[in-house]
Amino acid sequence: MQTAKIVHSPVEVSTRLAELGLKEELLLEALRQANLYCVRTTNHHPRLYRYIVMTAETIAALRDLLVPEGWQKLDEGHYELTLNPGGTVAIAVASGDDNVAHAERTPSNKSPKGRHTIAAVESNRQADMFADLLPVKEVGAEGARDTWVLLHRVTKDGIHSELSRPTEISDGMFALWSERILLGKIDLDGDPVQITAPDQPDIDIFISKKSA
């Protein structure tokens, strides 16, 4: 079984992210900005929004921060990615389980992913299988795109995250990683907001025109 390479010391993290054209503070800032939207949600927000707000706002913030540096938004059939200038590195965002940012555990996502994610993971796996057979000049060529996932989880003591490269997925859930870059924890003031959606029927509101 493949063993993931774990990158966790501050110097190693900085160096490895630089090789990908990234900075740790930028990734953490995207998560900080997303969390500002999370803590403002209430039971009046649509339930679907409250379930996806952290991931959706992280994607938006990540693009806001990276597009000025030459990265671009990529939307492939509602599969939201942020792509580097050379088209060789793509970043997806996903909410992770309790194993996120634990070096000794194998993390996964909290909800199953669809066919686009499965195809991206398979592409990563194939690239690893045939890497030794490819001429050096072809590595990073168009079509040889690496997909990384910015996994995050919010707990009482902060936001935990990692940027990791998946190589196996089972029933829509990440199962193996070739490399995991563990990011620094973001400390939070107070407990994260946990919202339970009430079971209420939909209400139709009819507005009639006032007669003159």
C-alpha atoms as a PDB file:
ATOM      1  CA  MET A   1       0.000   0.000   0.000  1.00  0.00           C
ATOM      2  CA  GLN A   2       1.223   3.456  -0.880  1.00  0.00           C
ATOM      3  CA  THR A   3       2.419   5.551   2.047  1.00  0.00           C
ATOM      4  CA  ALA A   4       1.780   9.257   1.850  1.00  0.00           C
ATOM      5  CA  LYS A   5       4.693  11.629   2.115  1.00  0.00           C
ATOM      6  CA  ILE A   6       3.949  13.914   5.060  1.00  0.00           C
ATOM      7  CA  VAL A   7       5.243  17.488   4.935  1.00  0.00           C
ATOM      8  CA  HIS A   8       4.729  19.217   8.278  1.00  0.00           C
ATOM      9  CA  SER A   9       7.697  21.259   9.529  1.00  0.00           C
ATOM     10  CA  PRO A  10       7.317  24.997   8.828  1.00  0.00           C
ATOM     11  CA  VAL A  11      10.415  25.136   6.630  1.00  0.00           C
ATOM     12  CA  GLU A  12       9.426  22.055   4.625  1.00  0.00           C
ATOM     13  CA  VAL A  13       5.872  23.322   4.219  1.00  0.00           C
ATOM     14  CA  SER A  14       7.060  26.690   2.945  1.00  0.00           C
ATOM     15  CA  THR A  15       9.512  25.090   0.520  1.00  0.00           C
ATOM     16  CA  ARG A  16       7.056  22.546  -0.860  1.00  0.00           C
ATOM     17  CA  LEU A  17       4.276  25.086  -1.311  1.00  0.00           C
ATOM     18  CA  ALA A  18       6.694  27.409  -3.118  1.00  0.00           C
ATOM     19  CA  GLU A  19       7.379  24.577  -5.571  1.00  0.00           C
ATOM     20  CA  LEU A  20       3.639  24.536  -6.286  1.00  0.00           C
ATOM     21  CA  GLY A  21       3.534  28.318  -6.623  1.00  0.00           C
ATOM     22  CA  LEU A  22       1.745  28.789  -3.315  1.00  0.00           C
ATOM     23  CA  LYS A  23       2.214  30.313   0.138  1.00  0.00           C
ATOM     24  CA  GLU A  24       0.895  28.933   3.407  1.00  0.00           C
ATOM     25  CA  GLU A  25      -0.372  32.307   4.596  1.00  0.00           C
ATOM     26  CA  LEU A  26      -2.471  32.658   1.436  1.00  0.00           C
ATOM     27  CA  LEU A  27      -4.173  29.288   1.929  1.00  0.00           C
ATOM     28  CA  LEU A  28      -4.844  30.045   5.584  1.00  0.00           C
ATOM     29  CA  GLU A  29      -6.199  33.487   4.722  1.00  0.00           C
ATOM     30  CA  ALA A  30      -8.739  31.920   2.365  1.00  0.00           C
ATOM     31  CA  LEU A  31      -9.945  29.717   5.230  1.00  0.00           C
ATOM     32  CA  ARG A  32     -10.069  32.663   7.637  1.00  0.00           C
ATOM     33  CA  GLN A  33     -12.207  34.654   5.222  1.00  0.00           C
ATOM     34  CA  ALA A  34     -14.549  31.722   4.671  1.00  0.00           C
ATOM     35  CA  ASN A  35     -15.008  31.244   8.404  1.00  0.00           C
ATOM     36  CA  LEU A  36     -16.269  34.830   8.716  1.00  0.00           C
ATOM     37  CA  TYR A  37     -19.272  33.803   6.635  1.00  0.00           C
ATOM     38  CA  CYS A  38     -19.788  30.618   8.649  1.00  0.00           C
ATOM     39  CA  VAL A  39     -20.063  32.359  12.001  1.00  0.00           C
ATOM     40  CA  ARG A  40     -22.689  34.726  10.623  1.00  0.00           C
ATOM     41  CA  THR A  41     -25.105  32.017   9.497  1.00  0.00           C
ATOM     42  CA  THR A  42     -28.378  31.565  11.380  1.00  0.00           C
ATOM     43  CA  ASN A  43     -31.430  29.352  11.145  1.00  0.00           C
ATOM     44  CA  HIS A  44     -32.814  31.873   8.674  1.00  0.00           C
ATOM     45  CA  HIS A  45     -30.228  30.954   6.055  1.00  0.00           C
ATOM     46  CA  PRO A  46     -31.172  28.252   3.521  1.00  0.00           C
ATOM     47  CA  ARG A  47     -30.187  24.871   4.889  1.00  0.00           C
ATOM     48  CA  LEU A  48     -28.141  23.956   1.829  1.00  0.00           C
ATOM     49  CA  TYR A  49     -26.087  27.142   2.119  1.00  0.00           C
ATOM     50  CA  ARG A  50     -25.320  26.477   5.765  1.00  0.00           C
ATOM     51  CA  TYR A  51     -24.006  23.036   4.889  1.00  0.00           C
ATOM     52  CA  ILE A  52     -21.678  24.210   2.102  1.00  0.00           C
ATOM     53  CA  VAL A  53     -20.761  27.743   3.156  1.00  0.00           C
ATOM     54  CA  MET A  54     -17.237  26.949   4.416  1.00  0.00           C
ATOM     55  CA  THR A  55     -16.231  25.133   1.248  1.00  0.00           C
ATOM     56  CA  ALA A  56     -17.918  27.570  -1.121  1.00  0.00           C
ATOM     57  CA  GLU A  57     -16.474  30.677   0.513  1.00  0.00           C
ATOM     58  CA  THR A  58     -13.003  29.101   0.708  1.00  0.00           C
ATOM     59  CA  ILE A  59     -13.125  28.498  -3.053  1.00  0.00           C
ATOM     60  CA  ALA A  60     -14.132  32.117  -3.650  1.00  0.00           C
ATOM     61  CA  ALA A  61     -11.485  33.545  -1.318  1.00  0.00           C
ATOM     62  CA  LEU A  62      -8.809  31.286  -2.786  1.00  0.00           C
ATOM     63  CA  ARG A  63      -9.611  32.597  -6.259  1.00  0.00           C
ATOM     64  CA  ASP A  64      -9.690  36.191  -5.042  1.00  0.00           C
ATOM     65  CA  LEU A  65      -6.174  35.731  -3.684  1.00  0.00           C
ATOM     66  CA  LEU A  66      -4.676  33.630  -6.499  1.00  0.00           C
ATOM     67  CA  VAL A  67      -6.175  35.068  -9.682  1.00  0.00           C
ATOM     68  CA  PRO A  68      -4.134  38.305  -9.335  1.00  0.00           C
ATOM     69  CA  GLU A  69      -1.050  36.056  -9.306  1.00  0.00           C
ATOM     70  CA  GLY A  70      -1.973  34.475 -12.645  1.00  0.00           C
ATOM     71  CA  TRP A  71      -4.096  31.552 -11.481  1.00  0.00           C
ATOM     72  CA  GLN A  72      -7.536  31.077 -13.017  1.00  0.00           C
ATOM     73  CA  LYS A  73     -11.003  29.829 -12.170  1.00  0.00           C
ATOM     74  CA  LEU A  74     -11.888  26.500 -13.751  1.00  0.00           C
ATOM     75  CA  ASP A  75     -15.432  25.153 -13.677  1.00  0.00           C
ATOM     76  CA  GLU A  76     -15.757  21.743 -15.323  1.00  0.00           C
ATOM     77  CA  GLY A  77     -19.383  20.689 -15.060  1.00  0.00           C
ATOM     78  CA  HIS A  78     -19.814  22.287 -11.634  1.00  0.00           C
ATOM     79  CA  TYR A  79     -16.455  20.849 -10.552  1.00  0.00           C
ATOM     80  CA  GLU A  80     -14.873  23.943  -9.048  1.00  0.00           C
ATOM     81  CA  LEU A  81     -11.092  24.234  -9.340  1.00  0.00           C
ATOM     82  CA  THR A  82      -8.444  26.929  -9.179  1.00  0.00           C
ATOM     83  CA  LEU A  83      -5.753  26.325 -11.813  1.00  0.00           C
ATOM     84  CA  ASN A  84      -2.150  27.546 -11.793  1.00  0.00           C
ATOM     85  CA  PRO A  85      -0.762  29.644 -14.689  1.00  0.00           C
ATOM     86  CA  GLY A  86       0.874  26.644 -16.350  1.00  0.00           C
ATOM     87  CA  GLY A  87      -2.233  24.473 -16.120  1.00  0.00           C
ATOM     88  CA  THR A  88      -0.312  21.793 -14.219  1.00  0.00           C
ATOM     89  CA  VAL A  89      -1.702  22.211 -10.680  1.00  0.00           C
ATOM     90  CA  ALA A  90      -5.378  22.404  -9.756  1.00  0.00           C
ATOM     91  CA  ILE A  91      -6.784  22.989  -6.288  1.00  0.00           C
ATOM     92  CA  ALA A  92     -10.147  21.670  -5.136  1.00  0.00           C
ATOM     93  CA  VAL A  93     -11.644  22.384  -1.703  1.00  0.00           C
ATOM     94  CA  ALA A  94     -13.416  19.903   0.560  1.00  0.00           C
ATOM     95  CA  SER A  95     -14.644  19.636   4.114  1.00  0.00           C
ATOM     96  CA  GLY A  96     -12.713  16.879   5.858  1.00  0.00           C
ATOM     97  CA  ASP A  97     -13.221  14.433   8.696  1.00  0.00           C
ATOM     98  CA  ASP A  98     -11.618  14.316  12.149  1.00  0.00           C
ATOM     99  CA  ASN A  99      -8.360  12.958  10.693  1.00  0.00           C
ATOM    100  CA  VAL A 100      -7.514  16.146   8.807  1.00  0.00           C
ATOM    101  CA  ALA A 101      -4.112  17.582   9.806  1.00  0.00           C
ATOM    102  CA  HIS A 102      -3.181  14.499  11.866  1.00  0.00           C
ATOM    103  CA  ALA A 103       0.081  13.151  10.480  1.00  0.00           C
ATOM    104  CA  GLU A 104      -0.472   9.655  11.859  1.00  0.00           C
ATOM    105  CA  ARG A 105      -3.998   9.263  10.417  1.00  0.00           C
ATOM    106  CA  THR A 106      -5.505   9.046   6.927  1.00  0.00           C
ATOM    107  CA  PRO A 107      -8.031  11.812   6.325  1.00  0.00           C
ATOM    108  CA  SER A 108     -11.048  11.737   4.057  1.00  0.00           C
ATOM    109  CA  ASN A 109     -13.879  14.019   2.993  1.00  0.00           C
ATOM    110  CA  LYS A 110     -17.155  14.354   4.887  1.00  0.00           C
ATOM    111  CA  SER A 111     -19.478  13.828   1.924  1.00  0.00           C
ATOM    112  CA  PRO A 112     -19.087  11.695  -1.229  1.00  0.00           C
ATOM    113  CA  LYS A 113     -17.589  13.281  -4.337  1.00  0.00           C
ATOM    114  CA  GLY A 114     -18.809  12.855  -7.913  1.00  0.00           C
ATOM    115  CA  ARG A 115     -17.409  11.642 -11.211  1.00  0.00           C
ATOM    116  CA  HIS A 116     -15.201  14.675 -11.884  1.00  0.00           C
ATOM    117  CA  THR A 117     -13.345  14.192  -8.597  1.00  0.00           C
ATOM    118  CA  ILE A 118     -13.066  10.460  -9.253  1.00  0.00           C
ATOM    119  CA  ALA A 119     -11.573  11.179 -12.697  1.00  0.00           C
ATOM    120  CA  ALA A 120      -9.089  13.663 -11.208  1.00  0.00           C
ATOM    121  CA  VAL A 121      -7.936  11.156  -8.589  1.00  0.00           C
ATOM    122  CA  GLU A 122      -7.531   8.497 -11.261  1.00  0.00           C
ATOM    123  CA  SER A 123      -5.423  10.933 -13.302  1.00  0.00           C
ATOM    124  CA  ASN A 124      -3.180  11.490 -10.258  1.00  0.00           C
ATOM    125  CA  ARG A 125      -2.835   7.739  -9.785  1.00  0.00           C
ATOM    126  CA  GLN A 126      -1.995   7.121 -13.431  1.00  0.00           C
ATOM    127  CA  ALA A 127       0.602   9.895 -13.359  1.00  0.00           C
ATOM    128  CA  ASP A 128       2.302   8.203 -10.411  1.00  0.00           C
ATOM    129  CA  MET A 129       2.216   4.788 -12.044  1.00  0.00           C
ATOM    130  CA  PHE A 130       3.900   5.931 -15.255  1.00  0.00           C
ATOM    131  CA  ALA A 131       6.049   8.783 -13.948  1.00  0.00           C
ATOM    132  CA  ASP A 132       9.264   6.787 -14.375  1.00  0.00           C
ATOM    133  CA  LEU A 133       8.420   6.039 -18.010  1.00  0.00           C
ATOM    134  CA  LEU A 134       7.821   9.625 -19.080  1.00  0.00           C
ATOM    135  CA  PRO A 135      10.624  11.751 -20.521  1.00  0.00           C
ATOM    136  CA  VAL A 136      11.523  14.624 -18.215  1.00  0.00           C
ATOM    137  CA  LYS A 137      10.336  17.157 -20.785  1.00  0.00           C
ATOM    138  CA  GLU A 138       6.786  15.749 -20.635  1.00  0.00           C
ATOM    139  CA  VAL A 139       6.377  16.108 -16.910  1.00  0.00           C
ATOM    140  CA  GLY A 140       4.047  19.052 -16.299  1.00  0.00           C
ATOM    141  CA  ALA A 141       2.974  19.166 -19.942  1.00  0.00           C
ATOM    142  CA  GLU A 142      -0.598  19.984 -20.870  1.00  0.00           C
ATOM    143  CA  GLY A 143      -2.878  17.112 -19.883  1.00  0.00           C
ATOM    144  CA  ALA A 144      -0.610  16.072 -16.986  1.00  0.00           C
ATOM    145  CA  ARG A 145      -2.512  18.093 -14.406  1.00  0.00           C
ATOM    146  CA  ASP A 146      -2.090  17.324 -10.710  1.00  0.00           C
ATOM    147  CA  THR A 147      -5.174  17.860  -8.571  1.00  0.00           C
ATOM    148  CA  TRP A 148      -4.691  18.789  -4.919  1.00  0.00           C
ATOM    149  CA  VAL A 149      -7.391  19.139  -2.271  1.00  0.00           C
ATOM    150  CA  LEU A 150      -7.485  21.816   0.406  1.00  0.00           C
ATOM    151  CA  LEU A 151      -9.088  19.826   3.215  1.00  0.00           C
ATOM    152  CA  HIS A 152     -10.435  21.680   6.237  1.00  0.00           C
ATOM    153  CA  ARG A 153     -12.228  20.947   9.488  1.00  0.00           C
ATOM    154  CA  VAL A 154     -13.456  23.384  12.119  1.00  0.00           C
ATOM    155  CA  THR A 155     -13.301  22.463  15.807  1.00  0.00           C
ATOM    156  CA  LYS A 156     -13.635  24.292  19.110  1.00  0.00           C
ATOM    157  CA  ASP A 157      -9.939  25.125  19.138  1.00  0.00           C
ATOM    158  CA  GLY A 158      -9.531  26.266  15.556  1.00  0.00           C
ATOM    159  CA  ILE A 159      -9.464  25.481  11.851  1.00  0.00           C
ATOM    160  CA  HIS A 160      -7.299  22.522  10.867  1.00  0.00           C
ATOM    161  CA  SER A 161      -6.265  22.071   7.249  1.00  0.00           C
ATOM    162  CA  GLU A 162      -3.927  20.439   4.778  1.00  0.00           C
ATOM    163  CA  LEU A 163      -3.210  20.593   1.074  1.00  0.00           C
ATOM    164  CA  SER A 164      -3.019  17.005  -0.114  1.00  0.00           C
ATOM    165  CA  ARG A 165      -2.816  15.023  -3.346  1.00  0.00           C
ATOM    166  CA  PRO A 166      -5.278  12.096  -3.535  1.00  0.00           C
ATOM    167  CA  THR A 167      -4.483   8.903  -5.429  1.00  0.00           C
ATOM    168  CA  GLU A 168      -7.374   6.636  -4.484  1.00  0.00           C
ATOM    169  CA  ILE A 169     -11.083   7.201  -3.964  1.00  0.00           C
ATOM    170  CA  SER A 170     -13.737   4.669  -2.939  1.00  0.00           C
ATOM    171  CA  ASP A 171     -17.476   5.318  -3.140  1.00  0.00           C
ATOM    172  CA  GLY A 172     -16.730   9.010  -3.529  1.00  0.00           C
ATOM    173  CA  MET A 173     -14.533   9.137  -0.424  1.00  0.00           C
ATOM    174  CA  PHE A 174     -10.784   9.828  -0.508  1.00  0.00           C
ATOM    175  CA  ALA A 175      -8.902   6.717   0.617  1.00  0.00           C
ATOM    176  CA  LEU A 176      -5.201   7.262  -0.168  1.00  0.00           C
ATOM    177  CA  TRP A 177      -2.874  10.210  -0.660  1.00  0.00           C
ATOM    178  CA  SER A 178       0.556  10.426  -2.287  1.00  0.00           C
ATOM    179  CA  GLU A 179       1.512  13.591  -0.403  1.00  0.00           C
ATOM    180  CA  ARG A 180       0.048  15.638   2.425  1.00  0.00           C
ATOM    181  CA  ILE A 181       1.159  19.161   3.307  1.00  0.00           C
ATOM    182  CA  LEU A 182      -0.060  19.924   6.826  1.00  0.00           C
ATOM    183  CA  LEU A 183      -0.846  23.585   7.358  1.00  0.00           C
ATOM    184  CA  GLY A 184      -0.735  25.594  10.574  1.00  0.00           C
ATOM    185  CA  LYS A 185      -3.813  25.717  12.780  1.00  0.00           C
ATOM    186  CA  ILE A 186      -5.952  28.854  12.730  1.00  0.00           C
ATOM    187  CA  ASP A 187      -6.944  29.741  16.287  1.00  0.00           C
ATOM    188  CA  LEU A 188     -10.537  30.876  16.779  1.00  0.00           C
ATOM    189  CA  ASP A 189     -12.046  33.066  19.473  1.00  0.00           C
ATOM    190  CA  GLY A 190     -14.797  31.018  21.072  1.00  0.00           C
ATOM    191  CA  ASP A 191     -16.541  27.922  19.837  1.00  0.00           C
ATOM    192  CA  PRO A 192     -17.437  27.407  16.195  1.00  0.00           C
ATOM    193  CA  VAL A 193     -21.086  27.913  15.373  1.00  0.00           C
ATOM    194  CA  GLN A 194     -22.948  24.619  15.009  1.00  0.00           C
ATOM    195  CA  ILE A 195     -26.344  24.971  13.364  1.00  0.00           C
ATOM    196  CA  THR A 196     -29.042  22.309  13.295  1.00  0.00           C
ATOM    197  CA  ALA A 197     -31.620  22.870  10.612  1.00  0.00           C
ATOM    198  CA  PRO A 198     -35.174  22.673  11.999  1.00  0.00           C
ATOM    199  CA  ASP A 199     -37.685  20.332  10.358  1.00  0.00           C
ATOM    200  CA  GLN A 200     -40.203  22.807   9.035  1.00  0.00           C
ATOM    201  CA  PRO A 201     -42.473  22.687   5.980  1.00  0.00           C
ATOM    202  CA  ASP A 202     -41.859  25.070   3.114  1.00  0.00           C
ATOM    203  CA  ILE A 203     -44.031  28.177   3.329  1.00  0.00           C
ATOM    204  CA  ASP A 204     -45.444  29.849   0.224  1.00  0.00           C
ATOM    205  CA  ILE A 205     -45.989  33.586   0.600  1.00  0.00           C
ATOM    206  CA  PHE A 206     -48.510  35.134  -1.742  1.00  0.00           C
ATOM    207  CA  ILE A 207     -48.345  38.873  -2.432  1.00  0.00           C
ATOM    208  CA  SER A 208     -51.348  40.449  -4.107  1.00  0.00           C
ATOM    209  CA  LYS A 209     -51.414  43.809  -5.801  1.00  0.00           C
ATOM    210  CA  LYS A 210     -53.209  46.560  -3.943  1.00  0.00           C
ATOM    211  CA  SER A 211     -56.216  47.799  -5.819  1.00  0.00           C
ATOM    212  CA  ALA A 212     -56.132  51.488  -6.612  1.00  0.00           C
END
